[in-house]
């Protein structure tokens, strides 16, 4: 997850979703402003 988060912060990743991978909640709150977080209650 650390390598993934690094890729997100450099803009390498366009899309993340729970089915494929899941970042820790704290990481979600520290993403660059261009990243939008959508939470869908199950």
ModelCIF file with pLDDT and N, C-alpha, C, O atoms, coordinates in Angstrom:
data_MODEL
#
_entry.id   MODEL 
#
_entity.id                         1 
_entity.type                       polymer 
_entity.pdbx_number_of_molecules   1 
#
_entity_poly.entity_id                      1 
_entity_poly.type                           'polypeptide(L)' 
_entity_poly.nstd_linkage                   no 
_entity_poly.nstd_monomer                   no 
_entity_poly.pdbx_seq_one_letter_code       
;(UNK)(UNK)(UNK)(UNK)(UNK)(UNK)(UNK)(UNK)(UNK)(UNK)(UNK)(UNK)(UNK)(UNK)(UNK)(UNK)
(UNK)(UNK)(UNK)(UNK)(UNK)(UNK)(UNK)(UNK)(UNK)(UNK)(UNK)(UNK)(UNK)(UNK)(UNK)(UNK)
(UNK)(UNK)(UNK)(UNK)(UNK)(UNK)(UNK)(UNK)(UNK)(UNK)
;
_entity_poly.pdbx_seq_one_letter_code_can   XXXXXXXXXXXXXXXXXXXXXXXXXXXXXXXXXXXXXXXXXX 
_entity_poly.pdbx_strand_id                 A 
#
loop_
_entity_poly_seq.entity_id 
_entity_poly_seq.num 
_entity_poly_seq.mon_id 
_entity_poly_seq.hetero 
1 1  UNK n 
1 2  UNK n 
1 3  UNK n 
1 4  UNK n 
1 5  UNK n 
1 6  UNK n 
1 7  UNK n 
1 8  UNK n 
1 9  UNK n 
1 10 UNK n 
1 11 UNK n 
1 12 UNK n 
1 13 UNK n 
1 14 UNK n 
1 15 UNK n 
1 16 UNK n 
1 17 UNK n 
1 18 UNK n 
1 19 UNK n 
1 20 UNK n 
1 21 UNK n 
1 22 UNK n 
1 23 UNK n 
1 24 UNK n 
1 25 UNK n 
1 26 UNK n 
1 27 UNK n 
1 28 UNK n 
1 29 UNK n 
1 30 UNK n 
1 31 UNK n 
1 32 UNK n 
1 33 UNK n 
1 34 UNK n 
1 35 UNK n 
1 36 UNK n 
1 37 UNK n 
1 38 UNK n 
1 39 UNK n 
1 40 UNK n 
1 41 UNK n 
1 42 UNK n 
#
_struct_asym.id          A 
_struct_asym.entity_id   1 
#
loop_
_ma_qa_metric.id 
_ma_qa_metric.mode 
_ma_qa_metric.name 
_ma_qa_metric.software_group_id 
_ma_qa_metric.type 
1 global pLDDT . pLDDT 
2 local  pLDDT . pLDDT 
#
_ma_qa_metric_global.metric_id      1 
_ma_qa_metric_global.metric_value   87.05 
_ma_qa_metric_global.model_id       1 
_ma_qa_metric_global.ordinal_id     1 
#
loop_
_ma_qa_metric_local.label_asym_id 
_ma_qa_metric_local.label_comp_id 
_ma_qa_metric_local.label_seq_id 
_ma_qa_metric_local.metric_id 
_ma_qa_metric_local.metric_value 
_ma_qa_metric_local.model_id 
_ma_qa_metric_local.ordinal_id 
A UNK 1  2 86.00 1 1  
A UNK 2  2 88.00 1 2  
A UNK 3  2 91.00 1 3  
A UNK 4  2 91.00 1 4  
A UNK 5  2 90.00 1 5  
A UNK 6  2 90.00 1 6  
A UNK 7  2 90.00 1 7  
A UNK 8  2 91.00 1 8  
A UNK 9  2 89.00 1 9  
A UNK 10 2 90.00 1 10 
A UNK 11 2 90.00 1 11 
A UNK 12 2 92.00 1 12 
A UNK 13 2 93.00 1 13 
A UNK 14 2 95.00 1 14 
A UNK 15 2 94.00 1 15 
A UNK 16 2 92.00 1 16 
A UNK 17 2 89.00 1 17 
A UNK 18 2 86.00 1 18 
A UNK 19 2 82.00 1 19 
A UNK 20 2 80.00 1 20 
A UNK 21 2 79.00 1 21 
A UNK 22 2 74.00 1 22 
A UNK 23 2 80.00 1 23 
A UNK 24 2 77.00 1 24 
A UNK 25 2 76.00 1 25 
A UNK 26 2 76.00 1 26 
A UNK 27 2 83.00 1 27 
A UNK 28 2 84.00 1 28 
A UNK 29 2 80.00 1 29 
A UNK 30 2 83.00 1 30 
A UNK 31 2 89.00 1 31 
A UNK 32 2 89.00 1 32 
A UNK 33 2 90.00 1 33 
A UNK 34 2 92.00 1 34 
A UNK 35 2 93.00 1 35 
A UNK 36 2 93.00 1 36 
A UNK 37 2 92.00 1 37 
A UNK 38 2 92.00 1 38 
A UNK 39 2 89.00 1 39 
A UNK 40 2 87.00 1 40 
A UNK 41 2 83.00 1 41 
A UNK 42 2 86.00 1 42 
#
loop_
_atom_site.group_PDB 
_atom_site.id 
_atom_site.type_symbol 
_atom_site.label_atom_id 
_atom_site.label_alt_id 
_atom_site.label_comp_id 
_atom_site.label_asym_id 
_atom_site.label_entity_id 
_atom_site.label_seq_id 
_atom_site.pdbx_PDB_ins_code 
_atom_site.Cartn_x 
_atom_site.Cartn_y 
_atom_site.Cartn_z 
_atom_site.occupancy 
_atom_site.B_iso_or_equiv 
_atom_site.pdbx_formal_charge 
_atom_site.auth_seq_id 
_atom_site.auth_comp_id 
_atom_site.auth_asym_id 
_atom_site.auth_atom_id 
_atom_site.pdbx_PDB_model_num 
ATOM 1   N N  . UNK A 1 1  ? 0.824   -1.206 0.000   1.00 86.00 ? 1  UNK A N  1 
ATOM 2   C CA . UNK A 1 1  ? 0.000   0.000  0.000   1.00 86.00 ? 1  UNK A CA 1 
ATOM 3   C C  . UNK A 1 1  ? 0.862   1.261  0.000   1.00 86.00 ? 1  UNK A C  1 
ATOM 4   O O  . UNK A 1 1  ? 0.459   2.302  -0.520  1.00 86.00 ? 1  UNK A O  1 
ATOM 5   N N  . UNK A 1 2  ? 2.053   1.155  0.590   1.00 88.00 ? 2  UNK A N  1 
ATOM 6   C CA . UNK A 1 2  ? 2.945   2.312  0.623   1.00 88.00 ? 2  UNK A CA 1 
ATOM 7   C C  . UNK A 1 2  ? 3.384   2.700  -0.788  1.00 88.00 ? 2  UNK A C  1 
ATOM 8   O O  . UNK A 1 2  ? 3.406   3.880  -1.137  1.00 88.00 ? 2  UNK A O  1 
ATOM 9   N N  . UNK A 1 3  ? 3.736   1.690  -1.601  1.00 91.00 ? 3  UNK A N  1 
ATOM 10  C CA . UNK A 1 3  ? 4.136   1.972  -2.979  1.00 91.00 ? 3  UNK A CA 1 
ATOM 11  C C  . UNK A 1 3  ? 2.959   2.532  -3.779  1.00 91.00 ? 3  UNK A C  1 
ATOM 12  O O  . UNK A 1 3  ? 3.120   3.443  -4.590  1.00 91.00 ? 3  UNK A O  1 
ATOM 13  N N  . UNK A 1 4  ? 1.774   1.971  -3.535  1.00 91.00 ? 4  UNK A N  1 
ATOM 14  C CA . UNK A 1 4  ? 0.579   2.463  -4.219  1.00 91.00 ? 4  UNK A CA 1 
ATOM 15  C C  . UNK A 1 4  ? 0.322   3.920  -3.861  1.00 91.00 ? 4  UNK A C  1 
ATOM 16  O O  . UNK A 1 4  ? 0.070   4.745  -4.740  1.00 91.00 ? 4  UNK A O  1 
ATOM 17  N N  . UNK A 1 5  ? 0.386   4.232  -2.585  1.00 90.00 ? 5  UNK A N  1 
ATOM 18  C CA . UNK A 1 5  ? 0.143   5.607  -2.136  1.00 90.00 ? 5  UNK A CA 1 
ATOM 19  C C  . UNK A 1 5  ? 1.149   6.563  -2.761  1.00 90.00 ? 5  UNK A C  1 
ATOM 20  O O  . UNK A 1 5  ? 0.796   7.682  -3.134  1.00 90.00 ? 5  UNK A O  1 
ATOM 21  N N  . UNK A 1 6  ? 2.402   6.127  -2.876  1.00 90.00 ? 6  UNK A N  1 
ATOM 22  C CA . UNK A 1 6  ? 3.418   6.970  -3.513  1.00 90.00 ? 6  UNK A CA 1 
ATOM 23  C C  . UNK A 1 6  ? 3.047   7.237  -4.966  1.00 90.00 ? 6  UNK A C  1 
ATOM 24  O O  . UNK A 1 6  ? 3.226   8.349  -5.462  1.00 90.00 ? 6  UNK A O  1 
ATOM 25  N N  . UNK A 1 7  ? 2.529   6.214  -5.651  1.00 90.00 ? 7  UNK A N  1 
ATOM 26  C CA . UNK A 1 7  ? 2.108   6.383  -7.036  1.00 90.00 ? 7  UNK A CA 1 
ATOM 27  C C  . UNK A 1 7  ? 0.940   7.337  -7.171  1.00 90.00 ? 7  UNK A C  1 
ATOM 28  O O  . UNK A 1 7  ? 0.851   8.091  -8.139  1.00 90.00 ? 7  UNK A O  1 
ATOM 29  N N  . UNK A 1 8  ? 0.045   7.301  -6.198  1.00 91.00 ? 8  UNK A N  1 
ATOM 30  C CA . UNK A 1 8  ? -1.089  8.226  -6.213  1.00 91.00 ? 8  UNK A CA 1 
ATOM 31  C C  . UNK A 1 8  ? -0.607  9.655  -6.015  1.00 91.00 ? 8  UNK A C  1 
ATOM 32  O O  . UNK A 1 8  ? -1.045  10.568 -6.716  1.00 91.00 ? 8  UNK A O  1 
ATOM 33  N N  . UNK A 1 9  ? 0.285   9.844  -5.071  1.00 89.00 ? 9  UNK A N  1 
ATOM 34  C CA . UNK A 1 9  ? 0.736   11.205 -4.747  1.00 89.00 ? 9  UNK A CA 1 
ATOM 35  C C  . UNK A 1 9  ? 1.541   11.842 -5.874  1.00 89.00 ? 9  UNK A C  1 
ATOM 36  O O  . UNK A 1 9  ? 1.639   13.067 -5.956  1.00 89.00 ? 9  UNK A O  1 
ATOM 37  N N  . UNK A 1 10 ? 2.114   11.015 -6.740  1.00 90.00 ? 10 UNK A N  1 
ATOM 38  C CA . UNK A 1 10 ? 2.833   11.569 -7.893  1.00 90.00 ? 10 UNK A CA 1 
ATOM 39  C C  . UNK A 1 10 ? 1.923   11.699 -9.114  1.00 90.00 ? 10 UNK A C  1 
ATOM 40  O O  . UNK A 1 10 ? 2.368   12.135 -10.176 1.00 90.00 ? 10 UNK A O  1 
ATOM 41  N N  . UNK A 1 11 ? 0.654   11.324 -8.968  1.00 90.00 ? 11 UNK A N  1 
ATOM 42  C CA . UNK A 1 11 ? -0.284  11.434 -10.071 1.00 90.00 ? 11 UNK A CA 1 
ATOM 43  C C  . UNK A 1 11 ? -0.209  10.296 -11.063 1.00 90.00 ? 11 UNK A C  1 
ATOM 44  O O  . UNK A 1 11 ? -0.772  10.386 -12.154 1.00 90.00 ? 11 UNK A O  1 
ATOM 45  N N  . UNK A 1 12 ? 0.478   9.227  -10.703 1.00 92.00 ? 12 UNK A N  1 
ATOM 46  C CA . UNK A 1 12 ? 0.629   8.093  -11.615 1.00 92.00 ? 12 UNK A CA 1 
ATOM 47  C C  . UNK A 1 12 ? -0.669  7.306  -11.756 1.00 92.00 ? 12 UNK A C  1 
ATOM 48  O O  . UNK A 1 12 ? -0.908  6.674  -12.785 1.00 92.00 ? 12 UNK A O  1 
ATOM 49  N N  . UNK A 1 13 ? -1.517  7.345  -10.711 1.00 93.00 ? 13 UNK A N  1 
ATOM 50  C CA . UNK A 1 13 ? -2.741  6.550  -10.688 1.00 93.00 ? 13 UNK A CA 1 
ATOM 51  C C  . UNK A 1 13 ? -3.950  7.448  -10.902 1.00 93.00 ? 13 UNK A C  1 
ATOM 52  O O  . UNK A 1 13 ? -4.076  8.497  -10.270 1.00 93.00 ? 13 UNK A O  1 
ATOM 53  N N  . UNK A 1 14 ? -4.836  7.030  -11.797 1.00 95.00 ? 14 UNK A N  1 
ATOM 54  C CA . UNK A 1 14 ? -6.051  7.785  -12.077 1.00 95.00 ? 14 UNK A CA 1 
ATOM 55  C C  . UNK A 1 14 ? -7.250  7.291  -11.277 1.00 95.00 ? 14 UNK A C  1 
ATOM 56  O O  . UNK A 1 14 ? -8.138  8.072  -10.935 1.00 95.00 ? 14 UNK A O  1 
ATOM 57  N N  . UNK A 1 15 ? -7.272  5.987  -10.976 1.00 94.00 ? 15 UNK A N  1 
ATOM 58  C CA . UNK A 1 15 ? -8.474  5.410  -10.379 1.00 94.00 ? 15 UNK A CA 1 
ATOM 59  C C  . UNK A 1 15 ? -8.119  4.317  -9.382  1.00 94.00 ? 15 UNK A C  1 
ATOM 60  O O  . UNK A 1 15 ? -7.289  3.449  -9.654  1.00 94.00 ? 15 UNK A O  1 
ATOM 61  N N  . UNK A 1 16 ? -8.765  4.377  -8.219  1.00 92.00 ? 16 UNK A N  1 
ATOM 62  C CA . UNK A 1 16 ? -8.684  3.325  -7.204  1.00 92.00 ? 16 UNK A CA 1 
ATOM 63  C C  . UNK A 1 16 ? -10.103 2.977  -6.803  1.00 92.00 ? 16 UNK A C  1 
ATOM 64  O O  . UNK A 1 16 ? -10.959 3.858  -6.717  1.00 92.00 ? 16 UNK A O  1 
ATOM 65  N N  . UNK A 1 17 ? -10.360 1.703  -6.556  1.00 89.00 ? 17 UNK A N  1 
ATOM 66  C CA . UNK A 1 17 ? -11.678 1.322  -6.051  1.00 89.00 ? 17 UNK A CA 1 
ATOM 67  C C  . UNK A 1 17 ? -11.527 0.110  -5.144  1.00 89.00 ? 17 UNK A C  1 
ATOM 68  O O  . UNK A 1 17 ? -10.614 -0.701 -5.301  1.00 89.00 ? 17 UNK A O  1 
ATOM 69  N N  . UNK A 1 18 ? -12.447 0.011  -4.189  1.00 86.00 ? 18 UNK A N  1 
ATOM 70  C CA . UNK A 1 18 ? -12.326 -0.989 -3.139  1.00 86.00 ? 18 UNK A CA 1 
ATOM 71  C C  . UNK A 1 18 ? -12.160 -2.397 -3.677  1.00 86.00 ? 18 UNK A C  1 
ATOM 72  O O  . UNK A 1 18 ? -11.412 -3.193 -3.110  1.00 86.00 ? 18 UNK A O  1 
ATOM 73  N N  . UNK A 1 19 ? -12.856 -2.716 -4.774  1.00 82.00 ? 19 UNK A N  1 
ATOM 74  C CA . UNK A 1 19 ? -12.767 -4.075 -5.304  1.00 82.00 ? 19 UNK A CA 1 
ATOM 75  C C  . UNK A 1 19 ? -11.367 -4.474 -5.704  1.00 82.00 ? 19 UNK A C  1 
ATOM 76  O O  . UNK A 1 19 ? -11.017 -5.653 -5.650  1.00 82.00 ? 19 UNK A O  1 
ATOM 77  N N  . UNK A 1 20 ? -10.545 -3.488 -6.112  1.00 80.00 ? 20 UNK A N  1 
ATOM 78  C CA . UNK A 1 20 ? -9.185  -3.793 -6.549  1.00 80.00 ? 20 UNK A CA 1 
ATOM 79  C C  . UNK A 1 20 ? -8.168  -3.582 -5.445  1.00 80.00 ? 20 UNK A C  1 
ATOM 80  O O  . UNK A 1 20 ? -7.255  -4.389 -5.276  1.00 80.00 ? 20 UNK A O  1 
ATOM 81  N N  . UNK A 1 21 ? -8.319  -2.508 -4.699  1.00 79.00 ? 21 UNK A N  1 
ATOM 82  C CA . UNK A 1 21 ? -7.367  -2.219 -3.625  1.00 79.00 ? 21 UNK A CA 1 
ATOM 83  C C  . UNK A 1 21 ? -8.007  -1.240 -2.667  1.00 79.00 ? 21 UNK A C  1 
ATOM 84  O O  . UNK A 1 21 ? -9.011  -0.607 -2.993  1.00 79.00 ? 21 UNK A O  1 
ATOM 85  N N  . UNK A 1 22 ? -7.437  -1.118 -1.505  1.00 74.00 ? 22 UNK A N  1 
ATOM 86  C CA . UNK A 1 22 ? -8.033  -0.279 -0.482  1.00 74.00 ? 22 UNK A CA 1 
ATOM 87  C C  . UNK A 1 22 ? -6.947  0.430  0.316   1.00 74.00 ? 22 UNK A C  1 
ATOM 88  O O  . UNK A 1 22 ? -6.102  -0.211 0.940   1.00 74.00 ? 22 UNK A O  1 
ATOM 89  N N  . UNK A 1 23 ? -6.977  1.745  0.289   1.00 80.00 ? 23 UNK A N  1 
ATOM 90  C CA . UNK A 1 23 ? -6.021  2.523  1.073   1.00 80.00 ? 23 UNK A CA 1 
ATOM 91  C C  . UNK A 1 23 ? -6.544  2.711  2.496   1.00 80.00 ? 23 UNK A C  1 
ATOM 92  O O  . UNK A 1 23 ? -7.756  2.766  2.703   1.00 80.00 ? 23 UNK A O  1 
ATOM 93  N N  . UNK A 1 24 ? -5.650  2.810  3.475   1.00 77.00 ? 24 UNK A N  1 
ATOM 94  C CA . UNK A 1 24 ? -6.084  3.110  4.847   1.00 77.00 ? 24 UNK A CA 1 
ATOM 95  C C  . UNK A 1 24 ? -6.825  4.447  4.890   1.00 77.00 ? 24 UNK A C  1 
ATOM 96  O O  . UNK A 1 24 ? -6.565  5.339  4.083   1.00 77.00 ? 24 UNK A O  1 
ATOM 97  N N  . UNK A 1 25 ? -7.749  4.571  5.841   1.00 76.00 ? 25 UNK A N  1 
ATOM 98  C CA . UNK A 1 25 ? -8.556  5.788  5.938   1.00 76.00 ? 25 UNK A CA 1 
ATOM 99  C C  . UNK A 1 25 ? -7.696  7.026  6.106   1.00 76.00 ? 25 UNK A C  1 
ATOM 100 O O  . UNK A 1 25 ? -7.995  8.067  5.520   1.00 76.00 ? 25 UNK A O  1 
ATOM 101 N N  . UNK A 1 26 ? -6.638  6.936  6.891   1.00 76.00 ? 26 UNK A N  1 
ATOM 102 C CA . UNK A 1 26 ? -5.774  8.097  7.102   1.00 76.00 ? 26 UNK A CA 1 
ATOM 103 C C  . UNK A 1 26 ? -5.125  8.538  5.799   1.00 76.00 ? 26 UNK A C  1 
ATOM 104 O O  . UNK A 1 26 ? -4.942  9.731  5.561   1.00 76.00 ? 26 UNK A O  1 
ATOM 105 N N  . UNK A 1 27 ? -4.777  7.566  4.954   1.00 83.00 ? 27 UNK A N  1 
ATOM 106 C CA . UNK A 1 27 ? -4.169  7.901  3.665   1.00 83.00 ? 27 UNK A CA 1 
ATOM 107 C C  . UNK A 1 27 ? -5.165  8.624  2.769   1.00 83.00 ? 27 UNK A C  1 
ATOM 108 O O  . UNK A 1 27 ? -4.791  9.520  2.012   1.00 83.00 ? 27 UNK A O  1 
ATOM 109 N N  . UNK A 1 28 ? -6.437  8.234  2.855   1.00 84.00 ? 28 UNK A N  1 
ATOM 110 C CA . UNK A 1 28 ? -7.457  8.863  2.024   1.00 84.00 ? 28 UNK A CA 1 
ATOM 111 C C  . UNK A 1 28 ? -7.608  10.346 2.355   1.00 84.00 ? 28 UNK A C  1 
ATOM 112 O O  . UNK A 1 28 ? -7.924  11.158 1.485   1.00 84.00 ? 28 UNK A O  1 
ATOM 113 N N  . UNK A 1 29 ? -7.381  10.685 3.605   1.00 80.00 ? 29 UNK A N  1 
ATOM 114 C CA . UNK A 1 29 ? -7.536  12.075 4.017   1.00 80.00 ? 29 UNK A CA 1 
ATOM 115 C C  . UNK A 1 29 ? -6.321  12.928 3.684   1.00 80.00 ? 29 UNK A C  1 
ATOM 116 O O  . UNK A 1 29 ? -6.342  14.143 3.883   1.00 80.00 ? 29 UNK A O  1 
ATOM 117 N N  . UNK A 1 30 ? -5.249  12.297 3.173   1.00 83.00 ? 30 UNK A N  1 
ATOM 118 C CA . UNK A 1 30 ? -4.026  13.054 2.888   1.00 83.00 ? 30 UNK A CA 1 
ATOM 119 C C  . UNK A 1 30 ? -3.680  13.071 1.405   1.00 83.00 ? 30 UNK A C  1 
ATOM 120 O O  . UNK A 1 30 ? -2.542  13.365 1.037   1.00 83.00 ? 30 UNK A O  1 
ATOM 121 N N  . UNK A 1 31 ? -4.645  12.759 0.556   1.00 89.00 ? 31 UNK A N  1 
ATOM 122 C CA . UNK A 1 31 ? -4.384  12.716 -0.878  1.00 89.00 ? 31 UNK A CA 1 
ATOM 123 C C  . UNK A 1 31 ? -4.306  14.125 -1.459  1.00 89.00 ? 31 UNK A C  1 
ATOM 124 O O  . UNK A 1 31 ? -4.868  15.056 -0.882  1.00 89.00 ? 31 UNK A O  1 
ATOM 125 N N  . UNK A 1 32 ? -3.625  14.298 -2.580  1.00 89.00 ? 32 UNK A N  1 
ATOM 126 C CA . UNK A 1 32 ? -3.599  15.601 -3.252  1.00 89.00 ? 32 UNK A CA 1 
ATOM 127 C C  . UNK A 1 32 ? -5.011  16.081 -3.567  1.00 89.00 ? 32 UNK A C  1 
ATOM 128 O O  . UNK A 1 32 ? -5.921  15.266 -3.721  1.00 89.00 ? 32 UNK A O  1 
ATOM 129 N N  . UNK A 1 33 ? -5.200  17.384 -3.663  1.00 90.00 ? 33 UNK A N  1 
ATOM 130 C CA . UNK A 1 33 ? -6.535  17.963 -3.822  1.00 90.00 ? 33 UNK A CA 1 
ATOM 131 C C  . UNK A 1 33 ? -7.226  17.544 -5.108  1.00 90.00 ? 33 UNK A C  1 
ATOM 132 O O  . UNK A 1 33 ? -8.453  17.585 -5.187  1.00 90.00 ? 33 UNK A O  1 
ATOM 133 N N  . UNK A 1 34 ? -6.465  17.143 -6.114  1.00 92.00 ? 34 UNK A N  1 
ATOM 134 C CA . UNK A 1 34 ? -7.088  16.737 -7.378  1.00 92.00 ? 34 UNK A CA 1 
ATOM 135 C C  . UNK A 1 34 ? -7.812  15.399 -7.267  1.00 92.00 ? 34 UNK A C  1 
ATOM 136 O O  . UNK A 1 34 ? -8.635  15.065 -8.119  1.00 92.00 ? 34 UNK A O  1 
ATOM 137 N N  . UNK A 1 35 ? -7.507  14.634 -6.219  1.00 93.00 ? 35 UNK A N  1 
ATOM 138 C CA . UNK A 1 35 ? -8.151  13.335 -6.049  1.00 93.00 ? 35 UNK A CA 1 
ATOM 139 C C  . UNK A 1 35 ? -9.462  13.487 -5.282  1.00 93.00 ? 35 UNK A C  1 
ATOM 140 O O  . UNK A 1 35 ? -9.498  14.080 -4.204  1.00 93.00 ? 35 UNK A O  1 
ATOM 141 N N  . UNK A 1 36 ? -10.513 12.953 -5.841  1.00 93.00 ? 36 UNK A N  1 
ATOM 142 C CA . UNK A 1 36 ? -11.824 12.980 -5.218  1.00 93.00 ? 36 UNK A CA 1 
ATOM 143 C C  . UNK A 1 36 ? -12.125 11.609 -4.607  1.00 93.00 ? 36 UNK A C  1 
ATOM 144 O O  . UNK A 1 36 ? -11.877 10.573 -5.224  1.00 93.00 ? 36 UNK A O  1 
ATOM 145 N N  . UNK A 1 37 ? -12.654 11.621 -3.401  1.00 92.00 ? 37 UNK A N  1 
ATOM 146 C CA . UNK A 1 37 ? -12.981 10.384 -2.692  1.00 92.00 ? 37 UNK A CA 1 
ATOM 147 C C  . UNK A 1 37 ? -14.496 10.244 -2.627  1.00 92.00 ? 37 UNK A C  1 
ATOM 148 O O  . UNK A 1 37 ? -15.185 11.102 -2.074  1.00 92.00 ? 37 UNK A O  1 
ATOM 149 N N  . UNK A 1 38 ? -15.002 9.169  -3.189  1.00 92.00 ? 38 UNK A N  1 
ATOM 150 C CA . UNK A 1 38 ? -16.436 8.875  -3.174  1.00 92.00 ? 38 UNK A CA 1 
ATOM 151 C C  . UNK A 1 38 ? -16.657 7.671  -2.255  1.00 92.00 ? 38 UNK A C  1 
ATOM 152 O O  . UNK A 1 38 ? -16.047 6.618  -2.442  1.00 92.00 ? 38 UNK A O  1 
ATOM 153 N N  . UNK A 1 39 ? -17.532 7.837  -1.266  1.00 89.00 ? 39 UNK A N  1 
ATOM 154 C CA . UNK A 1 39 ? -17.842 6.748  -0.341  1.00 89.00 ? 39 UNK A CA 1 
ATOM 155 C C  . UNK A 1 39 ? -19.288 6.325  -0.545  1.00 89.00 ? 39 UNK A C  1 
ATOM 156 O O  . UNK A 1 39 ? -20.203 7.136  -0.400  1.00 89.00 ? 39 UNK A O  1 
ATOM 157 N N  . UNK A 1 40 ? -19.494 5.068  -0.878  1.00 87.00 ? 40 UNK A N  1 
ATOM 158 C CA . UNK A 1 40 ? -20.841 4.552  -1.116  1.00 87.00 ? 40 UNK A CA 1 
ATOM 159 C C  . UNK A 1 40 ? -21.205 3.608  0.023   1.00 87.00 ? 40 UNK A C  1 
ATOM 160 O O  . UNK A 1 40 ? -20.636 2.520  0.116   1.00 87.00 ? 40 UNK A O  1 
ATOM 161 N N  . UNK A 1 41 ? -22.143 3.996  0.898   1.00 83.00 ? 41 UNK A N  1 
ATOM 162 C CA . UNK A 1 41 ? -22.526 3.107  2.007   1.00 83.00 ? 41 UNK A CA 1 
ATOM 163 C C  . UNK A 1 41 ? -23.075 1.781  1.486   1.00 83.00 ? 41 UNK A C  1 
ATOM 164 O O  . UNK A 1 41 ? -23.888 1.756  0.562   1.00 83.00 ? 41 UNK A O  1 
ATOM 165 N N  . UNK A 1 42 ? -22.633 0.707  2.074   1.00 86.00 ? 42 UNK A N  1 
ATOM 166 C CA . UNK A 1 42 ? -23.146 -0.613 1.760   1.00 86.00 ? 42 UNK A CA 1 
ATOM 167 C C  . UNK A 1 42 ? -24.135 -1.040 2.849   1.00 86.00 ? 42 UNK A C  1 
ATOM 168 O O  . UNK A 1 42 ? -24.693 -2.135 2.781   1.00 86.00 ? 42 UNK A O  1 
#
